[in-house]
Protein backbone atom coordinates (compact mmCIF):
# COMPACT_ATOMS: atom_id res chain seq x y z
CA MET A 1 -41.30 190.57 150.54
CA ARG A 2 -38.43 192.51 149.12
CA VAL A 3 -38.79 195.33 146.62
CA MET A 4 -37.46 194.57 143.18
CA GLU A 5 -35.58 197.28 141.33
CA PRO A 6 -35.87 197.47 137.54
CA VAL A 7 -32.69 196.66 135.65
CA ILE A 8 -32.12 197.21 131.94
CA VAL A 9 -29.49 195.12 130.17
CA LYS A 10 -28.81 194.95 126.44
CA PHE A 11 -27.82 191.69 124.77
CA ARG A 12 -26.59 191.01 121.27
CA THR A 13 -28.48 187.74 120.83
CA HIS A 14 -31.41 185.87 122.34
CA ARG A 15 -29.08 183.08 123.38
CA GLU A 16 -26.91 185.53 125.33
CA CYS A 17 -30.03 186.82 127.08
CA GLU A 18 -31.21 183.32 127.99
CA GLU A 19 -27.78 182.39 129.36
CA ALA A 20 -27.73 185.52 131.51
CA ALA A 21 -31.21 184.74 132.87
CA LEU A 22 -30.19 181.16 133.70
CA ALA A 23 -27.02 182.38 135.39
CA TYR A 24 -29.07 184.83 137.48
CA TYR A 25 -31.46 182.14 138.71
CA ARG A 26 -28.60 179.72 139.41
CA ARG A 27 -27.01 182.33 141.70
CA LEU A 28 -30.16 182.61 143.81
CA THR A 29 -30.58 180.55 146.94
CA PRO A 30 -33.51 178.12 147.12
CA ALA A 31 -35.20 180.47 149.60
CA GLU A 32 -34.89 183.39 147.17
CA ARG A 33 -36.33 181.28 144.36
CA LEU A 34 -39.29 180.32 146.53
CA GLU A 35 -39.81 183.95 147.49
CA ILE A 36 -40.03 184.87 143.80
CA LEU A 37 -42.45 182.00 143.19
CA PHE A 38 -44.75 183.03 146.03
CA THR A 39 -44.65 186.68 144.94
CA LEU A 40 -45.63 185.78 141.37
CA ARG A 41 -48.32 183.41 142.64
CA ALA A 42 -49.79 186.10 144.90
CA LEU A 43 -49.87 188.56 142.02
CA ALA A 44 -51.58 186.05 139.75
CA HIS A 45 -54.21 185.00 142.32
CA LYS A 46 -55.46 188.20 143.89
CA GLU A 47 -58.78 187.77 145.66
CA ASN A 48 -60.28 190.80 143.96
CA ASP A 49 -59.78 189.61 140.40
CA ALA A 50 -62.58 188.63 138.02
CA ALA A 51 -61.82 184.90 138.20
CA SER A 52 -62.43 184.74 141.95
CA GLU A 53 -65.78 186.54 141.60
CA ARG A 54 -67.31 184.04 139.18
CA LEU A 55 -70.18 181.83 140.22
CA ALA A 56 -69.49 178.62 142.06
CA ARG A 57 -70.25 175.40 140.22
CA VAL A 58 -73.28 173.62 141.57
CA TYR A 59 -74.29 170.08 140.61
CA ARG A 60 -77.72 168.60 141.14
CA ILE A 61 -78.47 164.91 140.87
CA ALA A 62 -81.98 164.35 139.59
CA GLN A 63 -83.86 161.08 139.91
CA LEU A 64 -85.37 159.98 136.61
CA GLU A 65 -88.82 158.45 136.57
CA ARG A 66 -88.97 154.90 135.29
CA SER A 67 -91.75 154.19 132.83
């Protein structure tokens, strides 16, 4: 995993910002795009987060008595 350096860029409009972001991702190789995806996924799904510590869902099938 490579270390990302922060970069600050000013844009005049939102459209200009979006075009720059698209151009950046178009320049990346497929392997670099996947690396970013896996990095973001790992950050979002840490094993020590609250969501992974919740209780497991348990289902019980009960037989009903016929009267």
